[in-house]
Amino acid sequence: MWPDALFQNWTGLGRTLVVGALAYGALVALLRVSGKRTLSTMNAFDLVVTVALGSTLATILLSKDVALAEGLVAFATLVGLQFAISWLSVRSKTVSALVKSEPALLLYRGTFLPDQMRHSRVVESEVRSAVRAQGVAALDAVEAVVLETDGSFTVVHRAADDRTSSLIGVIGLPQPPKK
């Protein structure tokens, strides 16, 4: 029984090679047709689609119970759903709110924002690390650190004229006093 785990037959290897090459080619073609947005990691939905595509490819390659045609339909379904959701999210604020998170302000003008950090499950050491990664030595030199919708940190350097237009739409941004 143990040797069967290493090698069963040449037919299985041949099937994996042929079906793998065809499935891979079909997946690349579908992704090229569907556009760059299909593989972006802008939000949780996009990540789920990316993982599902990988899982589907693995199933097509390794399961004799799944025919290539069924796998290609699964690819097309996932890519089609991702396309539809991204199309709808651009046109509907409700759909966009359902599938996308908002960027969150974690540090503003050298001061940590503990409520936003707790809500985003981020600790000070992670924010400091993001600032250091940008080559900034002092938190006072930073206008803001934002946790983006894809989970990355953006460090915004302080502007000489105090403008912060890149921070519009970020949750937690203090509103300027009304004149």
N, C-alpha and C. Protein backbone atom coordinates (compact mmCIF):
# COMPACT_ATOMS: atom_id res chain seq x y z
N MET A 1 0.82 -1.20 0.00
CA MET A 1 0.00 0.00 0.00
C MET A 1 0.86 1.25 0.00
N TRP A 2 1.94 1.26 0.71
CA TRP A 2 2.77 2.45 0.79
C TRP A 2 3.33 2.89 -0.57
N PRO A 3 3.81 1.98 -1.42
CA PRO A 3 4.30 2.41 -2.74
C PRO A 3 3.22 3.08 -3.60
N ASP A 4 1.93 2.73 -3.41
CA ASP A 4 0.85 3.36 -4.18
C ASP A 4 0.75 4.86 -3.89
N ALA A 5 1.20 5.27 -2.71
CA ALA A 5 1.17 6.69 -2.39
C ALA A 5 2.20 7.46 -3.21
N LEU A 6 3.22 6.78 -3.69
CA LEU A 6 4.26 7.43 -4.48
C LEU A 6 3.97 7.39 -5.97
N PHE A 7 3.42 6.30 -6.46
CA PHE A 7 3.17 6.16 -7.89
C PHE A 7 2.07 5.13 -8.10
N GLN A 8 1.04 5.52 -8.86
CA GLN A 8 -0.03 4.57 -9.13
C GLN A 8 0.05 4.04 -10.55
N ASN A 9 0.11 4.96 -11.54
CA ASN A 9 0.24 4.51 -12.92
C ASN A 9 0.59 5.68 -13.83
N TRP A 10 1.00 5.36 -15.03
CA TRP A 10 1.38 6.39 -15.99
C TRP A 10 0.17 7.14 -16.52
N THR A 11 -0.98 6.50 -16.54
CA THR A 11 -2.19 7.15 -17.03
C THR A 11 -2.56 8.35 -16.16
N GLY A 12 -2.48 8.18 -14.85
CA GLY A 12 -2.77 9.27 -13.93
C GLY A 12 -1.82 10.44 -14.12
N LEU A 13 -0.54 10.15 -14.33
CA LEU A 13 0.44 11.22 -14.57
C LEU A 13 0.14 11.93 -15.88
N GLY A 14 -0.19 11.15 -16.91
CA GLY A 14 -0.52 11.74 -18.21
C GLY A 14 -1.75 12.62 -18.14
N ARG A 15 -2.78 12.14 -17.43
CA ARG A 15 -4.00 12.93 -17.26
C ARG A 15 -3.70 14.25 -16.57
N THR A 16 -2.92 14.19 -15.49
CA THR A 16 -2.58 15.40 -14.75
C THR A 16 -1.83 16.38 -15.65
N LEU A 17 -0.91 15.88 -16.44
CA LEU A 17 -0.12 16.74 -17.33
C LEU A 17 -1.00 17.39 -18.40
N VAL A 18 -1.82 16.62 -19.08
CA VAL A 18 -2.66 17.15 -20.16
C VAL A 18 -3.74 18.07 -19.61
N VAL A 19 -4.48 17.59 -18.61
CA VAL A 19 -5.57 18.41 -18.04
C VAL A 19 -4.99 19.66 -17.38
N GLY A 20 -3.85 19.52 -16.71
CA GLY A 20 -3.22 20.67 -16.06
C GLY A 20 -2.84 21.74 -17.06
N ALA A 21 -2.24 21.35 -18.17
CA ALA A 21 -1.84 22.32 -19.19
C ALA A 21 -3.06 23.00 -19.80
N LEU A 22 -4.10 22.22 -20.11
CA LEU A 22 -5.32 22.80 -20.69
C LEU A 22 -6.05 23.71 -19.70
N ALA A 23 -6.18 23.27 -18.44
CA ALA A 23 -6.86 24.08 -17.42
C ALA A 23 -6.09 25.36 -17.15
N TYR A 24 -4.78 25.25 -17.08
CA TYR A 24 -3.94 26.44 -16.85
C TYR A 24 -4.11 27.43 -18.00
N GLY A 25 -4.04 26.93 -19.23
CA GLY A 25 -4.22 27.80 -20.40
C GLY A 25 -5.58 28.47 -20.40
N ALA A 26 -6.62 27.70 -20.07
CA ALA A 26 -7.97 28.26 -20.03
C ALA A 26 -8.09 29.31 -18.94
N LEU A 27 -7.50 29.05 -17.78
CA LEU A 27 -7.57 30.02 -16.68
C LEU A 27 -6.86 31.32 -17.06
N VAL A 28 -5.67 31.22 -17.64
CA VAL A 28 -4.94 32.42 -18.07
C VAL A 28 -5.76 33.20 -19.10
N ALA A 29 -6.36 32.50 -20.06
CA ALA A 29 -7.18 33.16 -21.07
C ALA A 29 -8.38 33.86 -20.44
N LEU A 30 -9.07 33.20 -19.52
CA LEU A 30 -10.21 33.82 -18.84
C LEU A 30 -9.80 35.05 -18.05
N LEU A 31 -8.68 34.98 -17.38
CA LEU A 31 -8.21 36.12 -16.58
C LEU A 31 -7.81 37.28 -17.48
N ARG A 32 -7.22 37.00 -18.62
CA ARG A 32 -6.84 38.07 -19.55
C ARG A 32 -8.11 38.75 -20.10
N VAL A 33 -9.12 37.96 -20.42
CA VAL A 33 -10.36 38.52 -20.96
C VAL A 33 -11.10 39.32 -19.89
N SER A 34 -11.09 38.84 -18.66
CA SER A 34 -11.88 39.49 -17.60
C SER A 34 -11.24 40.77 -17.07
N GLY A 35 -9.98 40.98 -17.31
CA GLY A 35 -9.32 42.23 -16.91
C GLY A 35 -8.56 42.13 -15.61
N LYS A 36 -7.82 43.19 -15.31
CA LYS A 36 -6.94 43.24 -14.14
C LYS A 36 -7.68 43.12 -12.82
N ARG A 37 -8.88 43.59 -12.78
CA ARG A 37 -9.65 43.63 -11.53
C ARG A 37 -9.90 42.24 -10.95
N THR A 38 -9.94 41.21 -11.79
CA THR A 38 -10.25 39.86 -11.32
C THR A 38 -9.24 39.37 -10.30
N LEU A 39 -7.99 39.71 -10.45
CA LEU A 39 -6.97 39.21 -9.54
C LEU A 39 -6.49 40.24 -8.54
N SER A 40 -7.17 41.36 -8.47
CA SER A 40 -6.74 42.35 -7.49
C SER A 40 -7.08 41.86 -6.09
N THR A 41 -6.40 42.42 -5.12
CA THR A 41 -6.71 42.08 -3.73
C THR A 41 -7.23 43.33 -3.02
N MET A 42 -8.18 43.97 -3.67
CA MET A 42 -8.71 45.22 -3.14
C MET A 42 -9.67 44.99 -1.97
N ASN A 43 -10.29 43.83 -1.92
CA ASN A 43 -11.23 43.59 -0.83
C ASN A 43 -11.37 42.09 -0.60
N ALA A 44 -12.14 41.74 0.41
CA ALA A 44 -12.28 40.33 0.79
C ALA A 44 -12.89 39.50 -0.33
N PHE A 45 -13.85 40.05 -1.07
CA PHE A 45 -14.48 39.30 -2.14
C PHE A 45 -13.45 38.91 -3.20
N ASP A 46 -12.58 39.84 -3.57
CA ASP A 46 -11.56 39.55 -4.58
C ASP A 46 -10.61 38.46 -4.08
N LEU A 47 -10.26 38.50 -2.81
CA LEU A 47 -9.39 37.47 -2.25
C LEU A 47 -10.06 36.10 -2.28
N VAL A 48 -11.33 36.06 -1.95
CA VAL A 48 -12.08 34.79 -1.98
C VAL A 48 -12.07 34.22 -3.39
N VAL A 49 -12.29 35.06 -4.39
CA VAL A 49 -12.31 34.60 -5.78
C VAL A 49 -10.93 34.06 -6.16
N THR A 50 -9.87 34.75 -5.77
CA THR A 50 -8.52 34.31 -6.09
C THR A 50 -8.22 32.95 -5.47
N VAL A 51 -8.57 32.77 -4.21
CA VAL A 51 -8.36 31.48 -3.53
C VAL A 51 -9.22 30.40 -4.18
N ALA A 52 -10.46 30.73 -4.50
CA ALA A 52 -11.36 29.75 -5.12
C ALA A 52 -10.84 29.32 -6.49
N LEU A 53 -10.27 30.25 -7.25
CA LEU A 53 -9.70 29.88 -8.55
C LEU A 53 -8.54 28.89 -8.36
N GLY A 54 -7.70 29.14 -7.38
CA GLY A 54 -6.59 28.22 -7.10
C GLY A 54 -7.08 26.86 -6.66
N SER A 55 -8.08 26.85 -5.81
CA SER A 55 -8.64 25.59 -5.33
C SER A 55 -9.29 24.82 -6.47
N THR A 56 -9.98 25.53 -7.34
CA THR A 56 -10.62 24.89 -8.50
C THR A 56 -9.56 24.28 -9.42
N LEU A 57 -8.49 25.01 -9.66
CA LEU A 57 -7.42 24.48 -10.51
C LEU A 57 -6.83 23.22 -9.89
N ALA A 58 -6.60 23.22 -8.59
CA ALA A 58 -6.06 22.03 -7.92
C ALA A 58 -7.03 20.86 -8.03
N THR A 59 -8.31 21.11 -7.88
CA THR A 59 -9.30 20.03 -7.98
C THR A 59 -9.33 19.45 -9.39
N ILE A 60 -9.29 20.32 -10.39
CA ILE A 60 -9.28 19.85 -11.78
C ILE A 60 -8.05 18.97 -12.03
N LEU A 61 -6.91 19.42 -11.51
CA LEU A 61 -5.66 18.68 -11.72
C LEU A 61 -5.65 17.32 -11.03
N LEU A 62 -6.15 17.25 -9.82
CA LEU A 62 -5.92 16.07 -8.99
C LEU A 62 -7.12 15.14 -8.83
N SER A 63 -8.31 15.61 -9.17
CA SER A 63 -9.49 14.76 -8.99
C SER A 63 -9.93 14.17 -10.34
N LYS A 64 -9.92 12.87 -10.40
CA LYS A 64 -10.38 12.19 -11.62
C LYS A 64 -11.89 12.29 -11.76
N ASP A 65 -12.57 12.66 -10.68
CA ASP A 65 -14.03 12.77 -10.71
C ASP A 65 -14.51 14.08 -11.33
N VAL A 66 -13.59 15.04 -11.55
CA VAL A 66 -13.97 16.33 -12.12
C VAL A 66 -13.40 16.41 -13.54
N ALA A 67 -14.31 16.47 -14.51
CA ALA A 67 -13.89 16.58 -15.91
C ALA A 67 -13.39 17.99 -16.21
N LEU A 68 -12.53 18.09 -17.20
CA LEU A 68 -11.99 19.39 -17.60
C LEU A 68 -13.11 20.37 -17.92
N ALA A 69 -14.14 19.93 -18.63
CA ALA A 69 -15.25 20.82 -18.99
C ALA A 69 -15.95 21.37 -17.73
N GLU A 70 -16.13 20.53 -16.72
CA GLU A 70 -16.74 20.99 -15.47
C GLU A 70 -15.85 22.03 -14.79
N GLY A 71 -14.57 21.79 -14.81
CA GLY A 71 -13.63 22.74 -14.22
C GLY A 71 -13.65 24.08 -14.94
N LEU A 72 -13.72 24.03 -16.26
CA LEU A 72 -13.77 25.28 -17.03
C LEU A 72 -15.05 26.06 -16.75
N VAL A 73 -16.16 25.34 -16.55
CA VAL A 73 -17.41 26.00 -16.18
C VAL A 73 -17.26 26.63 -14.79
N ALA A 74 -16.59 25.94 -13.89
CA ALA A 74 -16.36 26.50 -12.55
C ALA A 74 -15.50 27.77 -12.65
N PHE A 75 -14.44 27.74 -13.46
CA PHE A 75 -13.61 28.94 -13.67
C PHE A 75 -14.47 30.08 -14.20
N ALA A 76 -15.24 29.80 -15.24
CA ALA A 76 -16.06 30.84 -15.85
C ALA A 76 -17.09 31.40 -14.87
N THR A 77 -17.65 30.53 -14.04
CA THR A 77 -18.62 30.97 -13.04
C THR A 77 -17.97 31.92 -12.03
N LEU A 78 -16.82 31.53 -11.51
CA LEU A 78 -16.13 32.38 -10.52
C LEU A 78 -15.72 33.72 -11.12
N VAL A 79 -15.15 33.68 -12.31
CA VAL A 79 -14.72 34.93 -12.96
C VAL A 79 -15.94 35.78 -13.31
N GLY A 80 -17.01 35.15 -13.78
CA GLY A 80 -18.23 35.89 -14.09
C GLY A 80 -18.85 36.54 -12.87
N LEU A 81 -18.90 35.81 -11.76
CA LEU A 81 -19.44 36.38 -10.52
C LEU A 81 -18.58 37.55 -10.03
N GLN A 82 -17.27 37.39 -10.11
CA GLN A 82 -16.37 38.46 -9.68
C GLN A 82 -16.57 39.69 -10.56
N PHE A 83 -16.68 39.47 -11.85
CA PHE A 83 -16.91 40.57 -12.79
C PHE A 83 -18.24 41.27 -12.47
N ALA A 84 -19.28 40.49 -12.25
CA ALA A 84 -20.61 41.06 -11.96
C ALA A 84 -20.59 41.87 -10.66
N ILE A 85 -19.99 41.33 -9.62
CA ILE A 85 -19.94 42.05 -8.34
C ILE A 85 -19.12 43.32 -8.47
N SER A 86 -17.97 43.26 -9.14
CA SER A 86 -17.16 44.48 -9.29
C SER A 86 -17.88 45.50 -10.15
N TRP A 87 -18.60 45.06 -11.20
CA TRP A 87 -19.38 45.96 -12.05
C TRP A 87 -20.48 46.63 -11.23
N LEU A 88 -21.19 45.83 -10.43
CA LEU A 88 -22.26 46.37 -9.59
C LEU A 88 -21.72 47.31 -8.51
N SER A 89 -20.57 46.97 -7.93
CA SER A 89 -20.03 47.81 -6.85
C SER A 89 -19.59 49.18 -7.34
N VAL A 90 -19.23 49.28 -8.60
CA VAL A 90 -18.88 50.58 -9.18
C VAL A 90 -20.14 51.43 -9.40
N ARG A 91 -21.26 50.77 -9.61
CA ARG A 91 -22.50 51.47 -9.94
C ARG A 91 -23.49 51.59 -8.77
N SER A 92 -23.25 50.87 -7.68
CA SER A 92 -24.17 50.90 -6.55
C SER A 92 -23.41 51.06 -5.24
N LYS A 93 -23.74 52.10 -4.51
CA LYS A 93 -23.10 52.32 -3.20
C LYS A 93 -23.45 51.20 -2.22
N THR A 94 -24.66 50.65 -2.33
CA THR A 94 -25.07 49.58 -1.44
C THR A 94 -24.24 48.33 -1.67
N VAL A 95 -24.07 47.93 -2.92
CA VAL A 95 -23.26 46.75 -3.24
C VAL A 95 -21.81 47.01 -2.84
N SER A 96 -21.33 48.20 -3.14
CA SER A 96 -19.95 48.55 -2.78
C SER A 96 -19.72 48.43 -1.27
N ALA A 97 -20.67 48.91 -0.49
CA ALA A 97 -20.54 48.84 0.97
C ALA A 97 -20.57 47.40 1.46
N LEU A 98 -21.29 46.52 0.76
CA LEU A 98 -21.37 45.12 1.16
C LEU A 98 -20.06 44.37 0.92
N VAL A 99 -19.36 44.69 -0.16
CA VAL A 99 -18.18 43.91 -0.52
C VAL A 99 -16.85 44.60 -0.23
N LYS A 100 -16.87 45.87 0.07
CA LYS A 100 -15.62 46.59 0.31
C LYS A 100 -15.61 47.21 1.70
N SER A 101 -14.46 47.17 2.32
CA SER A 101 -14.30 47.88 3.58
C SER A 101 -13.80 49.29 3.28
N GLU A 102 -13.77 50.11 4.28
CA GLU A 102 -13.29 51.48 4.14
C GLU A 102 -11.89 51.58 4.72
N PRO A 103 -11.05 52.46 4.17
CA PRO A 103 -9.74 52.66 4.78
C PRO A 103 -9.92 53.30 6.17
N ALA A 104 -9.01 52.96 7.09
CA ALA A 104 -9.13 53.46 8.47
C ALA A 104 -7.87 54.21 8.87
N LEU A 105 -8.07 55.35 9.48
CA LEU A 105 -6.97 56.18 9.98
C LEU A 105 -6.50 55.61 11.32
N LEU A 106 -5.20 55.31 11.43
CA LEU A 106 -4.66 54.72 12.65
C LEU A 106 -3.78 55.69 13.43
N LEU A 107 -3.16 56.61 12.71
CA LEU A 107 -2.30 57.62 13.33
C LEU A 107 -2.54 58.91 12.57
N TYR A 108 -2.72 60.00 13.31
CA TYR A 108 -2.95 61.29 12.66
C TYR A 108 -2.11 62.35 13.33
N ARG A 109 -1.25 62.97 12.52
CA ARG A 109 -0.36 64.04 12.99
C ARG A 109 0.42 63.63 14.24
N GLY A 110 1.00 62.43 14.17
CA GLY A 110 1.88 61.95 15.23
C GLY A 110 1.17 61.32 16.42
N THR A 111 -0.16 61.26 16.38
CA THR A 111 -0.92 60.73 17.51
C THR A 111 -1.66 59.46 17.09
N PHE A 112 -1.48 58.39 17.87
CA PHE A 112 -2.20 57.15 17.62
C PHE A 112 -3.68 57.35 17.90
N LEU A 113 -4.52 56.68 17.16
CA LEU A 113 -5.97 56.73 17.35
C LEU A 113 -6.42 55.38 17.87
N PRO A 114 -6.44 55.21 19.21
CA PRO A 114 -6.66 53.89 19.81
C PRO A 114 -7.99 53.24 19.45
N ASP A 115 -9.06 54.01 19.32
CA ASP A 115 -10.35 53.41 18.98
C ASP A 115 -10.31 52.79 17.58
N GLN A 116 -9.75 53.51 16.63
CA GLN A 116 -9.63 52.99 15.26
C GLN A 116 -8.69 51.79 15.22
N MET A 117 -7.60 51.85 16.00
CA MET A 117 -6.64 50.75 16.03
C MET A 117 -7.29 49.50 16.61
N ARG A 118 -8.02 49.65 17.68
CA ARG A 118 -8.70 48.51 18.31
C ARG A 118 -9.74 47.93 17.36
N HIS A 119 -10.52 48.81 16.73
CA HIS A 119 -11.54 48.36 15.78
C HIS A 119 -10.90 47.60 14.60
N SER A 120 -9.73 48.05 14.18
CA SER A 120 -9.04 47.43 13.04
C SER A 120 -8.12 46.28 13.47
N ARG A 121 -8.02 46.03 14.78
CA ARG A 121 -7.17 44.98 15.34
C ARG A 121 -5.70 45.18 14.94
N VAL A 122 -5.22 46.41 15.17
CA VAL A 122 -3.84 46.77 14.86
C VAL A 122 -3.21 47.31 16.14
N VAL A 123 -1.95 46.95 16.39
CA VAL A 123 -1.24 47.44 17.56
C VAL A 123 -0.21 48.49 17.14
N GLU A 124 0.23 49.28 18.12
CA GLU A 124 1.17 50.38 17.84
C GLU A 124 2.43 49.89 17.14
N SER A 125 2.94 48.73 17.52
CA SER A 125 4.18 48.25 16.92
C SER A 125 4.03 48.03 15.41
N GLU A 126 2.83 47.64 14.94
CA GLU A 126 2.61 47.47 13.50
C GLU A 126 2.62 48.81 12.78
N VAL A 127 2.04 49.82 13.41
CA VAL A 127 2.03 51.16 12.81
C VAL A 127 3.45 51.71 12.77
N ARG A 128 4.18 51.56 13.88
CA ARG A 128 5.57 52.03 13.91
C ARG A 128 6.40 51.32 12.85
N SER A 129 6.17 50.04 12.66
CA SER A 129 6.89 49.28 11.64
C SER A 129 6.61 49.83 10.25
N ALA A 130 5.36 50.16 9.97
CA ALA A 130 5.00 50.73 8.67
C ALA A 130 5.69 52.07 8.45
N VAL A 131 5.78 52.87 9.50
CA VAL A 131 6.45 54.17 9.41
C VAL A 131 7.94 53.97 9.15
N ARG A 132 8.56 53.05 9.89
CA ARG A 132 9.99 52.76 9.68
C ARG A 132 10.25 52.24 8.27
N ALA A 133 9.34 51.43 7.75
CA ALA A 133 9.52 50.87 6.41
C ALA A 133 9.57 51.97 5.35
N GLN A 134 8.99 53.11 5.66
CA GLN A 134 9.03 54.25 4.74
C GLN A 134 10.25 55.14 4.99
N GLY A 135 11.10 54.72 5.93
CA GLY A 135 12.32 55.48 6.21
C GLY A 135 12.08 56.73 7.03
N VAL A 136 10.99 56.76 7.76
CA VAL A 136 10.66 57.93 8.58
C VAL A 136 11.10 57.65 10.02
N ALA A 137 11.83 58.59 10.59
CA ALA A 137 12.38 58.39 11.94
C ALA A 137 11.43 58.85 13.04
N ALA A 138 10.66 59.89 12.78
CA ALA A 138 9.82 60.47 13.84
C ALA A 138 8.35 60.43 13.44
N LEU A 139 7.51 60.02 14.38
CA LEU A 139 6.07 59.99 14.11
C LEU A 139 5.53 61.39 13.82
N ASP A 140 6.16 62.41 14.38
CA ASP A 140 5.73 63.79 14.14
C ASP A 140 5.88 64.20 12.68
N ALA A 141 6.72 63.50 11.93
CA ALA A 141 6.92 63.80 10.51
C ALA A 141 5.84 63.17 9.63
N VAL A 142 4.95 62.40 10.27
CA VAL A 142 3.91 61.69 9.53
C VAL A 142 2.58 62.41 9.70
N GLU A 143 1.94 62.67 8.58
CA GLU A 143 0.60 63.25 8.63
C GLU A 143 -0.41 62.19 9.06
N ALA A 144 -0.26 60.97 8.47
CA ALA A 144 -1.23 59.92 8.78
C ALA A 144 -0.68 58.55 8.40
N VAL A 145 -1.20 57.55 9.11
CA VAL A 145 -1.01 56.16 8.70
C VAL A 145 -2.41 55.59 8.52
N VAL A 146 -2.65 55.02 7.33
CA VAL A 146 -3.96 54.52 6.97
C VAL A 146 -3.88 53.01 6.75
N LEU A 147 -4.81 52.27 7.34
CA LEU A 147 -4.97 50.85 7.03
C LEU A 147 -5.89 50.79 5.82
N GLU A 148 -5.34 50.36 4.68
CA GLU A 148 -6.10 50.36 3.43
C GLU A 148 -7.05 49.17 3.37
N THR A 149 -7.93 49.17 2.38
CA THR A 149 -8.94 48.13 2.25
C THR A 149 -8.35 46.76 1.96
N ASP A 150 -7.11 46.73 1.45
CA ASP A 150 -6.47 45.44 1.16
C ASP A 150 -5.59 44.96 2.32
N GLY A 151 -5.61 45.68 3.45
CA GLY A 151 -4.84 45.28 4.62
C GLY A 151 -3.45 45.87 4.68
N SER A 152 -3.05 46.62 3.67
CA SER A 152 -1.72 47.24 3.69
C SER A 152 -1.78 48.58 4.43
N PHE A 153 -0.62 49.06 4.84
CA PHE A 153 -0.51 50.35 5.51
C PHE A 153 0.02 51.38 4.52
N THR A 154 -0.57 52.57 4.55
CA THR A 154 -0.06 53.68 3.78
C THR A 154 0.39 54.75 4.76
N VAL A 155 1.62 55.20 4.57
CA VAL A 155 2.17 56.28 5.40
C VAL A 155 2.15 57.55 4.56
N VAL A 156 1.43 58.55 5.05
CA VAL A 156 1.32 59.83 4.35
C VAL A 156 2.22 60.82 5.07
N HIS A 157 3.20 61.34 4.32
CA HIS A 157 4.13 62.32 4.89
C HIS A 157 3.43 63.66 5.07
N ARG A 158 3.86 64.40 6.04
CA ARG A 158 3.27 65.70 6.32
C ARG A 158 3.56 66.67 5.18
N ALA A 159 2.54 67.38 4.73
CA ALA A 159 2.69 68.36 3.66
C ALA A 159 3.09 69.71 4.25
N ALA A 160 3.88 70.44 3.51
CA ALA A 160 4.34 71.75 4.00
C ALA A 160 3.19 72.72 4.20
N ASP A 161 2.13 72.58 3.40
CA ASP A 161 1.02 73.54 3.48
C ASP A 161 -0.20 73.00 4.24
N ASP A 162 -0.04 71.87 4.93
CA ASP A 162 -1.10 71.31 5.78
C ASP A 162 -2.30 70.76 5.01
N ARG A 163 -2.20 70.56 3.71
CA ARG A 163 -3.32 69.99 2.96
C ARG A 163 -3.32 68.48 3.13
N THR A 164 -4.52 67.89 3.19
CA THR A 164 -4.65 66.43 3.37
C THR A 164 -5.68 65.84 2.42
N SER A 165 -5.70 66.29 1.19
CA SER A 165 -6.73 65.84 0.25
C SER A 165 -6.68 64.34 -0.02
N SER A 166 -5.53 63.70 0.15
CA SER A 166 -5.47 62.25 -0.09
C SER A 166 -6.18 61.46 1.01
N LEU A 167 -6.52 62.11 2.11
CA LEU A 167 -7.17 61.42 3.22
C LEU A 167 -8.69 61.50 3.19
N ILE A 168 -9.23 62.19 2.19
CA ILE A 168 -10.69 62.30 2.09
C ILE A 168 -11.28 60.90 1.93
N GLY A 169 -12.30 60.57 2.73
CA GLY A 169 -12.97 59.28 2.66
C GLY A 169 -12.40 58.25 3.62
N VAL A 170 -11.38 58.61 4.39
CA VAL A 170 -10.78 57.68 5.34
C VAL A 170 -11.54 57.78 6.66
N ILE A 171 -11.96 56.64 7.18
CA ILE A 171 -12.70 56.60 8.44
C ILE A 171 -11.80 57.10 9.57
N GLY A 172 -12.32 58.01 10.39
CA GLY A 172 -11.60 58.50 11.55
C GLY A 172 -10.89 59.82 11.32
N LEU A 173 -10.94 60.37 10.10
CA LEU A 173 -10.27 61.64 9.83
C LEU A 173 -11.01 62.76 10.56
N PRO A 174 -10.30 63.49 11.45
CA PRO A 174 -10.96 64.60 12.13
C PRO A 174 -11.41 65.66 11.12
N GLN A 175 -12.60 66.18 11.32
CA GLN A 175 -13.13 67.19 10.42
C GLN A 175 -12.59 68.55 10.84
N PRO A 176 -12.17 69.37 9.87
CA PRO A 176 -11.67 70.70 10.21
C PRO A 176 -12.80 71.56 10.76
N PRO A 177 -12.46 72.49 11.63
CA PRO A 177 -13.52 73.36 12.17
C PRO A 177 -14.16 74.18 11.05
N LYS A 178 -15.46 74.39 11.15
CA LYS A 178 -16.17 75.17 10.13
C LYS A 178 -15.88 76.63 10.32
N LYS A 179 -15.71 77.31 9.19
CA LYS A 179 -15.37 78.74 9.23
C LYS A 179 -16.60 79.59 9.29
